[in-house]
Each structure stands twice: as C-alpha cells, then as structure tokens.
C-alpha cells in the first residue's frame, strides 16, 4: 500500500513538473508575440560595417531611435549596398537609383564601396552641383579645354570606377591624402579631410 502511494506521489510530481514547463513555454510564446507586434512598424534608418553591423531602427511614428548591434554573418545580408542607398537618400542625390551599381563596380574593380560616393560628395555635393548635363559628379576631366561629359549616370559611374582603379589604386594611391596629391594637388588638405569625413560617416553610420 505504501509502495503504491509512493509511486502515485512520484507520478503526480512529474505531472506538475511537466505542466509547469508547458505553462512557462506558452507564456514565453505569448510574450514574444506581444514584443513582435509592438516592433512590426519599425523601419531601418541606417547601418554600418566594421566588425559588426549596426542597425538603427526607429518607430515609424515617433522616430525614437535605438541601436541594435548584429553580427554581420547573423544578419545574412551585405550592409554596404544599403549604406550607399541610405547615404544618397539622406542627401537627396540623383545617384540614388544607381546605389547597387556603385557597389557592384567598386567590388568588380577591387576597391572599397565608399570611394565613389565620398569623392562625389566632396566634388559636387553628390552630383547636385555638377556641371550641367555632364553627369560628371567627381570633377575629373574638367579643365580649361572643356569638361568631360557622359550621356547618363551609369556610363559616368562605370568610367569613373575604371579611372580610379587605373590612375590611383593600381599606383598605390589608396588613402585620401595620397589620392589628393594627384587628384587635387593645390588643396591645403581640406580635400582629403572632407573625403575622409564622408568615408567615416558611411563606415560608422553617422549620417
């Protein structure tokens, strides 16, 4: 009789124990659903590369920002094309539709994604102050004999990427200061400083 009672008590303890886990699991699922419902109306405002990818998210109504650090391999997407697009959108550049192309040609020619954008920002405020109908946002090929012009931004971007690689990166000019020595030798250093500032903005997500 006592043996039967012991077995019954043991079974009841197991039932209560398993029931507790089941109730806790249901509660956690319910809690996660509540959290997801509260964050479903948020949008990505900016990202950055480096050792981690920083995603700035803000409520679409209040725009109160919070930062979430996510490992790049966990995110599962390359942040760099997003950075280019967000940066160009921030400054209302006509290059926005060419964000993916800028990233792709930079990758194809083996240099960092930010160079084309940073130099365009320094030279023409991201094409907003480029010579009329030139599609030349980088100030190259502009001299007293005339201005280098392109039919459209796609041709300009492809040509400029090849030019950067051939005339600068292939010759070891791989920093704003070194590039400035040939690109804008009369500058007192402000050209390199500006380009570096724009690079840092994209790399750190501070735009």
N, C-alpha and C. Protein backbone atom coordinates (compact mmCIF):
# COMPACT_ATOMS: atom_id res chain seq x y z
N UNK A 1 0.84 -1.20 0.00
CA UNK A 1 0.00 0.00 0.00
C UNK A 1 0.88 1.26 0.00
N UNK A 2 1.87 1.26 0.90
CA UNK A 2 2.79 2.41 0.97
C UNK A 2 3.57 2.56 -0.34
N UNK A 3 3.95 1.42 -0.92
CA UNK A 3 4.69 1.46 -2.18
C UNK A 3 3.84 2.09 -3.28
N UNK A 4 2.56 1.74 -3.31
CA UNK A 4 1.64 2.30 -4.30
C UNK A 4 1.48 3.80 -4.12
N UNK A 5 1.39 4.24 -2.86
CA UNK A 5 1.26 5.66 -2.57
C UNK A 5 2.51 6.43 -3.02
N UNK A 6 3.67 5.84 -2.79
CA UNK A 6 4.92 6.49 -3.20
C UNK A 6 4.98 6.67 -4.71
N UNK A 7 4.56 5.62 -5.43
CA UNK A 7 4.56 5.70 -6.89
C UNK A 7 3.59 6.76 -7.38
N UNK A 8 2.41 6.82 -6.72
CA UNK A 8 1.40 7.80 -7.10
C UNK A 8 1.90 9.22 -6.87
N UNK A 9 2.55 9.43 -5.72
CA UNK A 9 3.10 10.76 -5.42
C UNK A 9 4.19 11.13 -6.43
N UNK A 10 5.02 10.16 -6.81
CA UNK A 10 6.09 10.41 -7.76
C UNK A 10 5.53 10.80 -9.13
N UNK A 11 4.45 10.10 -9.53
CA UNK A 11 3.82 10.41 -10.81
C UNK A 11 3.20 11.79 -10.79
N UNK A 12 2.56 12.15 -9.67
CA UNK A 12 1.94 13.47 -9.55
C UNK A 12 2.99 14.57 -9.62
N UNK A 13 4.14 14.34 -8.99
CA UNK A 13 5.22 15.34 -9.05
C UNK A 13 5.69 15.56 -10.48
N UNK A 14 5.80 14.45 -11.23
CA UNK A 14 6.24 14.58 -12.63
C UNK A 14 5.22 15.34 -13.46
N UNK A 15 3.93 15.03 -13.21
CA UNK A 15 2.87 15.71 -13.95
C UNK A 15 2.90 17.20 -13.67
N UNK A 16 3.03 17.58 -12.38
CA UNK A 16 3.09 19.00 -12.02
C UNK A 16 4.32 19.68 -12.62
N UNK A 17 5.45 18.95 -12.62
CA UNK A 17 6.70 19.49 -13.15
C UNK A 17 6.58 19.78 -14.65
N UNK A 18 6.05 18.78 -15.39
CA UNK A 18 5.87 18.96 -16.83
C UNK A 18 4.84 20.03 -17.15
N UNK A 19 3.80 20.10 -16.32
CA UNK A 19 2.78 21.13 -16.53
C UNK A 19 3.36 22.52 -16.36
N UNK A 20 4.26 22.66 -15.38
CA UNK A 20 4.91 23.94 -15.15
C UNK A 20 5.72 24.39 -16.35
N UNK A 21 6.48 23.45 -16.93
CA UNK A 21 7.26 23.78 -18.12
C UNK A 21 6.37 24.17 -19.29
N UNK A 22 5.24 23.44 -19.44
CA UNK A 22 4.32 23.73 -20.53
C UNK A 22 3.72 25.13 -20.39
N UNK A 23 3.30 25.47 -19.17
CA UNK A 23 2.72 26.79 -18.92
C UNK A 23 3.75 27.89 -19.16
N UNK A 24 5.00 27.65 -18.72
CA UNK A 24 6.07 28.63 -18.93
C UNK A 24 6.33 28.84 -20.42
N UNK A 25 6.33 27.73 -21.19
CA UNK A 25 6.55 27.83 -22.62
C UNK A 25 5.47 28.63 -23.32
N UNK A 26 4.22 28.39 -22.93
CA UNK A 26 3.09 29.13 -23.51
C UNK A 26 3.21 30.62 -23.19
N UNK A 27 3.60 30.92 -21.95
CA UNK A 27 3.75 32.31 -21.52
C UNK A 27 4.84 33.01 -22.33
N UNK A 28 5.98 32.33 -22.56
CA UNK A 28 7.07 32.93 -23.31
C UNK A 28 6.67 33.20 -24.76
N UNK A 29 5.94 32.26 -25.37
CA UNK A 29 5.48 32.47 -26.75
C UNK A 29 4.54 33.67 -26.83
N UNK A 30 3.66 33.77 -25.86
CA UNK A 30 2.72 34.89 -25.82
C UNK A 30 3.46 36.21 -25.67
N UNK A 31 4.50 36.22 -24.82
CA UNK A 31 5.30 37.42 -24.59
C UNK A 31 6.02 37.84 -25.87
N UNK A 32 6.59 36.87 -26.61
CA UNK A 32 7.29 37.18 -27.85
C UNK A 32 6.35 37.75 -28.90
N UNK A 33 5.13 37.23 -28.96
CA UNK A 33 4.15 37.75 -29.90
C UNK A 33 3.82 39.21 -29.60
N UNK A 34 3.73 39.54 -28.32
CA UNK A 34 3.45 40.93 -27.93
C UNK A 34 4.60 41.84 -28.36
N UNK A 35 5.84 41.39 -28.12
CA UNK A 35 7.01 42.19 -28.49
C UNK A 35 7.07 42.41 -29.99
N UNK A 36 6.83 41.35 -30.76
CA UNK A 36 6.86 41.46 -32.21
C UNK A 36 5.78 42.39 -32.74
N UNK A 37 4.62 42.34 -32.13
CA UNK A 37 3.54 43.21 -32.58
C UNK A 37 3.85 44.67 -32.33
N UNK A 38 4.63 44.95 -31.29
CA UNK A 38 4.99 46.34 -30.98
C UNK A 38 6.09 46.87 -31.88
N UNK A 39 6.92 45.97 -32.44
CA UNK A 39 8.05 46.42 -33.26
C UNK A 39 7.81 46.25 -34.75
N UNK A 40 6.65 45.74 -35.13
CA UNK A 40 6.39 45.46 -36.54
C UNK A 40 6.33 46.71 -37.40
N UNK A 41 6.10 47.87 -36.80
CA UNK A 41 6.00 49.10 -37.59
C UNK A 41 7.28 49.90 -37.55
N UNK A 42 8.41 49.22 -37.33
CA UNK A 42 9.68 49.92 -37.31
C UNK A 42 10.39 49.75 -38.63
N UNK A 43 11.28 50.68 -38.92
CA UNK A 43 12.00 50.65 -40.19
C UNK A 43 13.48 50.89 -39.96
N UNK A 44 14.30 50.36 -40.86
CA UNK A 44 15.75 50.55 -40.77
C UNK A 44 16.08 51.96 -41.23
N UNK A 45 16.85 52.67 -40.41
CA UNK A 45 17.23 54.04 -40.74
C UNK A 45 18.67 54.13 -41.21
N UNK A 46 19.53 53.21 -40.77
CA UNK A 46 20.91 53.26 -41.20
C UNK A 46 21.65 52.03 -40.75
N UNK A 47 22.77 51.76 -41.35
CA UNK A 47 23.57 50.60 -40.98
C UNK A 47 25.03 50.97 -41.09
N UNK A 48 25.89 50.12 -40.54
CA UNK A 48 27.31 50.34 -40.77
C UNK A 48 28.04 49.02 -40.83
N UNK A 49 29.23 49.03 -41.45
CA UNK A 49 30.06 47.85 -41.47
C UNK A 49 31.09 47.98 -40.37
N UNK A 50 32.18 47.27 -40.44
CA UNK A 50 33.27 47.14 -39.47
C UNK A 50 33.20 45.70 -38.94
N UNK A 51 33.51 45.48 -37.64
CA UNK A 51 33.45 44.13 -37.10
C UNK A 51 32.00 43.68 -36.92
N UNK A 52 31.13 44.62 -36.71
CA UNK A 52 29.71 44.30 -36.57
C UNK A 52 28.91 45.19 -37.49
N UNK A 53 27.68 44.82 -37.69
CA UNK A 53 26.77 45.66 -38.46
C UNK A 53 25.86 46.35 -37.47
N UNK A 54 25.82 47.65 -37.54
CA UNK A 54 24.96 48.42 -36.64
C UNK A 54 23.71 48.81 -37.38
N UNK A 55 22.56 48.43 -36.85
CA UNK A 55 21.30 48.78 -37.48
C UNK A 55 20.58 49.76 -36.59
N UNK A 56 20.24 50.92 -37.13
CA UNK A 56 19.47 51.90 -36.40
C UNK A 56 18.01 51.71 -36.78
N UNK A 57 17.18 51.42 -35.79
CA UNK A 57 15.77 51.26 -36.09
C UNK A 57 14.98 52.29 -35.33
N UNK A 58 13.91 52.75 -35.92
CA UNK A 58 13.10 53.75 -35.25
C UNK A 58 11.64 53.50 -35.50
N UNK A 59 10.80 53.78 -34.54
CA UNK A 59 9.37 53.66 -34.72
C UNK A 59 8.94 54.60 -35.83
N UNK A 60 8.17 54.09 -36.78
CA UNK A 60 7.80 54.90 -37.94
C UNK A 60 6.93 56.08 -37.58
N UNK A 61 6.37 56.09 -36.38
CA UNK A 61 5.55 57.22 -35.98
C UNK A 61 6.33 58.20 -35.11
N UNK A 62 7.09 57.69 -34.15
CA UNK A 62 7.79 58.57 -33.22
C UNK A 62 9.22 58.86 -33.64
N UNK A 63 9.81 57.95 -34.46
CA UNK A 63 11.20 58.08 -34.91
C UNK A 63 12.16 58.20 -33.73
N UNK A 64 11.82 57.53 -32.61
CA UNK A 64 12.74 57.48 -31.48
C UNK A 64 13.70 56.33 -31.75
N UNK A 65 14.96 56.67 -31.98
CA UNK A 65 15.93 55.68 -32.44
C UNK A 65 16.47 54.82 -31.30
N UNK A 66 16.79 53.58 -31.64
CA UNK A 66 17.53 52.72 -30.75
C UNK A 66 18.53 51.95 -31.60
N UNK A 67 19.60 51.52 -31.01
CA UNK A 67 20.64 50.85 -31.76
C UNK A 67 20.67 49.37 -31.38
N UNK A 68 20.76 48.53 -32.38
CA UNK A 68 20.88 47.10 -32.17
C UNK A 68 22.14 46.65 -32.88
N UNK A 69 23.03 46.01 -32.17
CA UNK A 69 24.25 45.52 -32.78
C UNK A 69 24.04 44.08 -33.21
N UNK A 70 24.28 43.80 -34.48
CA UNK A 70 24.06 42.48 -35.03
C UNK A 70 25.31 42.04 -35.75
N UNK A 71 25.77 40.85 -35.50
CA UNK A 71 26.92 40.33 -36.21
C UNK A 71 26.60 40.22 -37.69
N UNK A 72 27.56 40.55 -38.55
CA UNK A 72 27.30 40.60 -39.98
C UNK A 72 26.88 39.24 -40.52
N UNK A 73 27.48 38.16 -40.00
CA UNK A 73 27.11 36.85 -40.51
C UNK A 73 25.72 36.43 -40.03
N UNK A 74 25.27 36.97 -38.91
CA UNK A 74 23.92 36.69 -38.43
C UNK A 74 22.91 37.44 -39.27
N UNK A 75 23.24 38.66 -39.65
CA UNK A 75 22.32 39.46 -40.45
C UNK A 75 22.02 38.79 -41.78
N UNK A 76 23.03 38.15 -42.36
CA UNK A 76 22.80 37.39 -43.56
C UNK A 76 22.73 38.20 -44.84
N UNK A 77 22.95 39.49 -44.77
CA UNK A 77 22.95 40.33 -45.96
C UNK A 77 24.16 41.26 -45.90
N UNK A 78 24.59 41.72 -47.06
CA UNK A 78 25.70 42.66 -47.12
C UNK A 78 25.16 44.06 -46.86
N UNK A 79 25.70 44.71 -45.84
CA UNK A 79 25.18 46.03 -45.45
C UNK A 79 25.63 47.14 -46.38
N UNK A 80 26.67 46.92 -47.15
CA UNK A 80 27.26 48.02 -47.91
C UNK A 80 26.34 48.64 -48.97
N UNK A 81 25.63 47.85 -49.76
CA UNK A 81 24.69 48.48 -50.71
C UNK A 81 23.62 49.30 -50.00
N UNK A 82 23.21 48.84 -48.83
CA UNK A 82 22.20 49.57 -48.05
C UNK A 82 22.76 50.89 -47.56
N UNK A 83 24.01 50.87 -47.12
CA UNK A 83 24.66 52.10 -46.66
C UNK A 83 24.72 53.12 -47.79
N UNK A 84 25.13 52.67 -48.97
CA UNK A 84 25.21 53.58 -50.11
C UNK A 84 23.85 54.21 -50.40
N UNK A 85 22.83 53.37 -50.47
CA UNK A 85 21.49 53.88 -50.79
C UNK A 85 20.99 54.85 -49.74
N UNK A 86 21.14 54.49 -48.45
CA UNK A 86 20.66 55.35 -47.37
C UNK A 86 21.41 56.69 -47.36
N UNK A 87 22.70 56.62 -47.63
CA UNK A 87 23.51 57.85 -47.64
C UNK A 87 23.06 58.77 -48.77
N UNK A 88 22.87 58.22 -49.94
CA UNK A 88 22.43 59.03 -51.08
C UNK A 88 21.02 59.57 -50.87
N UNK A 89 20.16 58.77 -50.26
CA UNK A 89 18.80 59.22 -49.96
C UNK A 89 18.82 60.36 -48.95
N UNK A 90 19.70 60.24 -47.97
CA UNK A 90 19.81 61.27 -46.93
C UNK A 90 20.06 62.65 -47.55
N UNK A 91 20.93 62.68 -48.56
CA UNK A 91 21.31 63.95 -49.18
C UNK A 91 20.57 64.22 -50.50
N UNK A 92 19.54 63.41 -50.75
CA UNK A 92 18.68 63.61 -51.94
C UNK A 92 19.50 63.69 -53.23
N UNK A 93 20.40 62.74 -53.37
CA UNK A 93 21.27 62.71 -54.55
C UNK A 93 20.56 62.06 -55.74
N UNK A 94 20.82 62.56 -56.94
CA UNK A 94 20.27 61.89 -58.13
C UNK A 94 20.89 60.53 -58.39
N UNK A 95 21.90 60.17 -57.59
CA UNK A 95 22.55 58.86 -57.75
C UNK A 95 21.82 57.74 -57.03
N UNK A 96 20.77 58.03 -56.31
CA UNK A 96 20.05 57.00 -55.54
C UNK A 96 19.71 55.77 -56.39
N UNK A 97 19.17 55.92 -57.59
CA UNK A 97 18.82 54.73 -58.38
C UNK A 97 20.03 53.89 -58.80
N UNK A 98 21.22 54.42 -58.60
CA UNK A 98 22.44 53.73 -59.03
C UNK A 98 23.24 53.18 -57.84
N UNK A 99 22.59 53.06 -56.71
CA UNK A 99 23.27 52.59 -55.49
C UNK A 99 23.88 51.21 -55.69
N UNK A 100 23.11 50.28 -56.22
CA UNK A 100 23.61 48.92 -56.43
C UNK A 100 24.74 48.90 -57.45
N UNK A 101 24.63 49.72 -58.48
CA UNK A 101 25.69 49.78 -59.49
C UNK A 101 26.99 50.31 -58.89
N UNK A 102 26.89 51.32 -58.05
CA UNK A 102 28.09 51.87 -57.40
C UNK A 102 28.78 50.79 -56.58
N UNK A 103 27.99 50.03 -55.83
CA UNK A 103 28.57 48.95 -55.03
C UNK A 103 29.21 47.89 -55.94
N UNK A 104 28.50 47.53 -57.00
CA UNK A 104 28.97 46.44 -57.86
C UNK A 104 30.27 46.80 -58.58
N UNK A 105 30.35 48.01 -59.15
CA UNK A 105 31.59 48.36 -59.87
C UNK A 105 32.76 48.52 -58.90
N UNK A 106 32.47 48.99 -57.69
CA UNK A 106 33.53 49.07 -56.68
C UNK A 106 34.07 47.68 -56.36
N UNK A 107 33.15 46.74 -56.23
CA UNK A 107 33.54 45.36 -55.96
C UNK A 107 34.30 44.76 -57.14
N UNK A 108 33.79 45.01 -58.35
CA UNK A 108 34.43 44.45 -59.55
C UNK A 108 35.86 44.96 -59.73
N UNK A 109 36.10 46.22 -59.39
CA UNK A 109 37.43 46.80 -59.55
C UNK A 109 38.30 46.66 -58.30
N UNK A 110 37.74 46.07 -57.27
CA UNK A 110 38.54 45.71 -56.10
C UNK A 110 38.86 46.82 -55.14
N UNK A 111 38.02 47.86 -55.07
CA UNK A 111 38.24 48.89 -54.05
C UNK A 111 36.99 49.07 -53.20
N UNK A 112 37.14 49.78 -52.10
CA UNK A 112 36.06 49.89 -51.13
C UNK A 112 34.84 50.63 -51.69
N UNK A 113 33.69 50.24 -51.19
CA UNK A 113 32.40 50.75 -51.68
C UNK A 113 32.22 52.25 -51.51
N UNK A 114 32.95 52.85 -50.56
CA UNK A 114 32.66 54.24 -50.20
C UNK A 114 33.37 55.28 -51.07
N UNK A 115 34.38 54.89 -51.85
CA UNK A 115 35.18 55.88 -52.57
C UNK A 115 34.37 56.71 -53.57
N UNK A 116 33.61 56.06 -54.41
CA UNK A 116 32.85 56.78 -55.44
C UNK A 116 31.90 57.78 -54.82
N UNK A 117 31.25 57.38 -53.74
CA UNK A 117 30.29 58.25 -53.07
C UNK A 117 30.98 59.39 -52.33
N UNK A 118 32.04 59.07 -51.59
CA UNK A 118 32.73 60.09 -50.79
C UNK A 118 33.34 61.18 -51.67
N UNK A 119 33.94 60.79 -52.78
CA UNK A 119 34.55 61.79 -53.67
C UNK A 119 33.46 62.62 -54.37
N UNK A 120 32.35 61.98 -54.72
CA UNK A 120 31.24 62.72 -55.32
C UNK A 120 30.67 63.74 -54.33
N UNK A 121 30.65 63.37 -53.06
CA UNK A 121 30.17 64.30 -52.03
C UNK A 121 31.11 65.49 -51.92
N UNK A 122 32.40 65.24 -51.97
CA UNK A 122 33.39 66.31 -51.86
C UNK A 122 33.39 67.21 -53.09
N UNK A 123 33.26 66.63 -54.26
CA UNK A 123 33.40 67.39 -55.51
C UNK A 123 32.14 68.11 -55.96
N UNK A 124 30.98 67.50 -55.72
CA UNK A 124 29.76 68.08 -56.31
C UNK A 124 28.52 67.97 -55.43
N UNK A 125 28.74 67.76 -54.12
CA UNK A 125 27.59 67.57 -53.23
C UNK A 125 26.69 66.47 -53.77
N UNK A 126 27.33 65.35 -54.11
CA UNK A 126 26.65 64.16 -54.63
C UNK A 126 25.87 64.46 -55.91
N UNK A 127 26.53 65.16 -56.82
CA UNK A 127 26.03 65.44 -58.18
C UNK A 127 25.06 66.60 -58.25
N UNK A 128 24.74 67.20 -57.14
CA UNK A 128 23.78 68.31 -57.17
C UNK A 128 24.42 69.60 -57.68
N UNK A 129 25.76 69.64 -57.69
CA UNK A 129 26.46 70.83 -58.17
C UNK A 129 27.43 70.49 -59.30
N UNK A 130 27.13 69.44 -60.02
CA UNK A 130 27.97 69.04 -61.14
C UNK A 130 27.69 69.94 -62.34
N UNK A 131 28.64 70.06 -63.28
CA UNK A 131 28.39 70.86 -64.49
C UNK A 131 27.13 70.39 -65.21
N UNK A 132 26.38 71.29 -65.75
CA UNK A 132 25.10 70.98 -66.38
C UNK A 132 25.24 69.91 -67.47
N UNK A 133 24.33 68.94 -67.40
CA UNK A 133 24.24 67.88 -68.41
C UNK A 133 25.52 67.09 -68.59
N UNK A 134 26.37 67.08 -67.58
CA UNK A 134 27.64 66.35 -67.70
C UNK A 134 27.58 64.97 -67.07
N UNK A 135 26.73 64.81 -66.07
CA UNK A 135 26.66 63.58 -65.27
C UNK A 135 28.02 63.26 -64.64
N UNK A 136 28.86 64.27 -64.58
CA UNK A 136 30.21 64.12 -64.02
C UNK A 136 30.21 64.67 -62.60
N UNK A 137 30.08 63.77 -61.64
CA UNK A 137 29.94 64.17 -60.23
C UNK A 137 31.27 64.24 -59.49
N UNK A 138 32.38 63.93 -60.17
CA UNK A 138 33.65 63.75 -59.47
C UNK A 138 34.70 64.78 -59.84
N UNK A 139 34.38 65.72 -60.69
CA UNK A 139 35.31 66.80 -61.01
C UNK A 139 36.53 66.36 -61.79
N UNK A 140 36.48 65.19 -62.41
CA UNK A 140 37.66 64.76 -63.17
C UNK A 140 37.43 65.02 -64.66
N UNK A 141 38.50 65.28 -65.37
CA UNK A 141 38.39 65.62 -66.77
C UNK A 141 37.78 66.99 -66.99
N UNK A 142 37.86 67.84 -65.96
CA UNK A 142 37.34 69.20 -66.09
C UNK A 142 38.52 70.17 -66.08
N UNK A 143 38.76 70.85 -67.17
CA UNK A 143 39.89 71.78 -67.27
C UNK A 143 39.55 72.87 -68.29
N UNK A 144 40.49 73.73 -68.57
CA UNK A 144 40.22 74.90 -69.42
C UNK A 144 39.88 74.51 -70.86
N UNK A 145 40.24 73.30 -71.25
CA UNK A 145 39.92 72.86 -72.61
C UNK A 145 38.50 72.33 -72.73
N UNK A 146 37.86 72.12 -71.60
CA UNK A 146 36.48 71.63 -71.64
C UNK A 146 36.16 70.74 -70.46
N UNK A 147 34.99 70.13 -70.49
CA UNK A 147 34.51 69.28 -69.40
C UNK A 147 34.16 67.90 -69.94
N UNK A 148 34.65 66.89 -69.26
CA UNK A 148 34.32 65.51 -69.62
C UNK A 148 32.85 65.26 -69.29
N UNK A 149 32.07 64.87 -70.31
CA UNK A 149 30.63 64.66 -70.11
C UNK A 149 30.23 63.24 -70.50
N UNK A 150 29.13 62.79 -69.90
CA UNK A 150 28.60 61.46 -70.18
C UNK A 150 27.11 61.56 -70.51
N UNK A 151 26.62 60.58 -71.24
CA UNK A 151 25.21 60.59 -71.61
C UNK A 151 24.30 60.36 -70.41
N UNK A 152 24.78 59.58 -69.45
CA UNK A 152 23.95 59.26 -68.29
C UNK A 152 24.85 58.90 -67.11
N UNK A 153 24.23 58.72 -65.94
CA UNK A 153 24.99 58.42 -64.73
C UNK A 153 25.61 57.03 -64.77
N UNK A 154 24.96 56.09 -65.41
CA UNK A 154 25.52 54.74 -65.46
C UNK A 154 26.87 54.74 -66.17
N UNK A 155 26.92 55.37 -67.34
CA UNK A 155 28.19 55.45 -68.06
C UNK A 155 29.24 56.20 -67.26
N UNK A 156 28.82 57.25 -66.58
CA UNK A 156 29.75 58.04 -65.77
C UNK A 156 30.32 57.22 -64.63
N UNK A 157 29.47 56.47 -63.95
CA UNK A 157 29.92 55.65 -62.81
C UNK A 157 30.90 54.58 -63.27
N UNK A 158 30.57 53.90 -64.36
CA UNK A 158 31.44 52.83 -64.86
C UNK A 158 32.80 53.40 -65.30
N UNK A 159 32.77 54.52 -65.97
CA UNK A 159 34.01 55.15 -66.42
C UNK A 159 34.86 55.61 -65.24
N UNK A 160 34.21 56.19 -64.25
CA UNK A 160 34.95 56.72 -63.11
C UNK A 160 35.57 55.60 -62.27
N UNK A 161 34.85 54.50 -62.13
CA UNK A 161 35.39 53.37 -61.37
C UNK A 161 36.66 52.84 -62.02
N UNK A 162 36.63 52.71 -63.34
CA UNK A 162 37.82 52.24 -64.06
C UNK A 162 38.97 53.24 -63.92
N UNK A 163 38.64 54.52 -63.98
CA UNK A 163 39.64 55.59 -63.84
C UNK A 163 40.29 55.57 -62.46
N UNK A 164 39.48 55.42 -61.42
CA UNK A 164 40.03 55.37 -60.06
C UNK A 164 41.01 54.21 -59.91
N UNK A 165 40.62 53.05 -60.38
CA UNK A 165 41.50 51.89 -60.24
C UNK A 165 42.80 52.09 -61.02
N UNK A 166 42.69 52.52 -62.27
CA UNK A 166 43.86 52.64 -63.15
C UNK A 166 44.82 53.74 -62.71
N UNK A 167 44.30 54.89 -62.37
CA UNK A 167 45.14 56.05 -62.10
C UNK A 167 45.53 56.23 -60.63
N UNK A 168 44.84 55.53 -59.73
CA UNK A 168 45.11 55.75 -58.31
C UNK A 168 45.41 54.45 -57.56
N UNK A 169 44.45 53.56 -57.46
CA UNK A 169 44.65 52.36 -56.64
C UNK A 169 45.73 51.46 -57.20
N UNK A 170 45.79 51.31 -58.51
CA UNK A 170 46.84 50.47 -59.10
C UNK A 170 48.23 51.07 -58.93
N UNK A 171 48.29 52.37 -58.62
CA UNK A 171 49.57 53.05 -58.42
C UNK A 171 49.89 53.29 -56.95
N UNK A 172 49.14 52.62 -56.08
CA UNK A 172 49.42 52.70 -54.65
C UNK A 172 48.85 53.92 -53.95
N UNK A 173 48.02 54.68 -54.64
CA UNK A 173 47.39 55.86 -54.02
C UNK A 173 46.06 55.41 -53.43
N UNK A 174 46.09 55.01 -52.18
CA UNK A 174 44.93 54.32 -51.60
C UNK A 174 44.36 54.99 -50.35
N UNK A 175 44.79 56.21 -50.06
CA UNK A 175 44.22 56.96 -48.94
C UNK A 175 43.79 58.33 -49.45
N UNK A 176 42.91 59.02 -48.74
CA UNK A 176 42.50 60.35 -49.20
C UNK A 176 43.68 61.29 -49.41
N UNK A 177 44.68 61.22 -48.53
CA UNK A 177 45.84 62.10 -48.64
C UNK A 177 46.66 61.79 -49.89
N UNK A 178 46.88 60.50 -50.14
CA UNK A 178 47.67 60.11 -51.32
C UNK A 178 46.92 60.43 -52.61
N UNK A 179 45.63 60.17 -52.61
CA UNK A 179 44.82 60.48 -53.79
C UNK A 179 44.83 61.98 -54.06
N UNK A 180 44.72 62.78 -53.00
CA UNK A 180 44.69 64.24 -53.13
C UNK A 180 45.96 64.76 -53.80
N UNK A 181 47.10 64.14 -53.54
CA UNK A 181 48.37 64.62 -54.09
C UNK A 181 48.37 64.65 -55.61
N UNK A 182 47.55 63.82 -56.22
CA UNK A 182 47.44 63.79 -57.68
C UNK A 182 46.11 64.35 -58.16
N UNK A 183 45.06 64.06 -57.41
CA UNK A 183 43.70 64.44 -57.81
C UNK A 183 43.46 65.94 -57.64
N UNK A 184 43.98 66.45 -56.53
CA UNK A 184 43.75 67.87 -56.21
C UNK A 184 44.99 68.42 -55.51
N UNK A 185 46.12 68.49 -56.21
CA UNK A 185 47.40 68.84 -55.58
C UNK A 185 47.45 70.25 -54.98
N UNK A 186 46.60 71.13 -55.43
CA UNK A 186 46.62 72.51 -54.91
C UNK A 186 45.87 72.65 -53.59
N UNK A 187 45.20 71.59 -53.16
CA UNK A 187 44.43 71.66 -51.91
C UNK A 187 45.36 71.80 -50.71
N UNK A 188 44.90 72.52 -49.70
CA UNK A 188 45.68 72.68 -48.47
C UNK A 188 45.45 71.54 -47.49
N UNK A 189 44.79 70.51 -47.94
CA UNK A 189 44.47 69.37 -47.09
C UNK A 189 42.99 69.21 -46.85
N UNK A 190 42.23 70.24 -47.19
CA UNK A 190 40.79 70.20 -46.93
C UNK A 190 40.09 69.15 -47.79
N UNK A 191 40.62 68.89 -48.99
CA UNK A 191 40.01 67.88 -49.86
C UNK A 191 40.06 66.51 -49.20
N UNK A 192 41.25 66.13 -48.74
CA UNK A 192 41.42 64.83 -48.09
C UNK A 192 40.61 64.76 -46.80
N UNK A 193 40.58 65.85 -46.06
CA UNK A 193 39.82 65.88 -44.81
C UNK A 193 38.33 65.66 -45.09
N UNK A 194 37.82 66.32 -46.13
CA UNK A 194 36.41 66.16 -46.46
C UNK A 194 36.08 64.75 -46.89
N UNK A 195 36.91 64.18 -47.77
CA UNK A 195 36.67 62.82 -48.24
C UNK A 195 36.70 61.84 -47.07
N UNK A 196 37.68 62.00 -46.17
CA UNK A 196 37.77 61.12 -45.01
C UNK A 196 36.55 61.25 -44.11
N UNK A 197 36.06 62.45 -43.95
CA UNK A 197 34.86 62.68 -43.14
C UNK A 197 33.66 61.92 -43.71
N UNK A 198 33.50 61.95 -45.02
CA UNK A 198 32.36 61.28 -45.65
C UNK A 198 32.52 59.76 -45.59
N UNK A 199 33.76 59.30 -45.70
CA UNK A 199 34.02 57.87 -45.54
C UNK A 199 33.63 57.43 -44.13
N UNK A 200 34.06 58.19 -43.14
CA UNK A 200 33.76 57.86 -41.74
C UNK A 200 32.26 57.85 -41.49
N UNK A 201 31.54 58.78 -42.09
CA UNK A 201 30.08 58.82 -41.92
C UNK A 201 29.44 57.52 -42.41
N UNK A 202 29.89 57.05 -43.55
CA UNK A 202 29.32 55.81 -44.10
C UNK A 202 29.76 54.58 -43.30
N UNK A 203 31.01 54.55 -42.92
CA UNK A 203 31.53 53.40 -42.17
C UNK A 203 30.92 53.29 -40.77
N UNK A 204 30.68 54.42 -40.15
CA UNK A 204 30.17 54.41 -38.77
C UNK A 204 28.67 54.60 -38.67
N UNK A 205 28.02 54.85 -39.78
CA UNK A 205 26.57 55.04 -39.76
C UNK A 205 26.14 56.35 -39.15
N UNK A 206 27.02 57.35 -39.15
CA UNK A 206 26.70 58.64 -38.51
C UNK A 206 26.21 59.65 -39.54
N UNK A 207 25.12 59.32 -40.16
CA UNK A 207 24.53 60.25 -41.13
C UNK A 207 23.02 60.18 -41.06
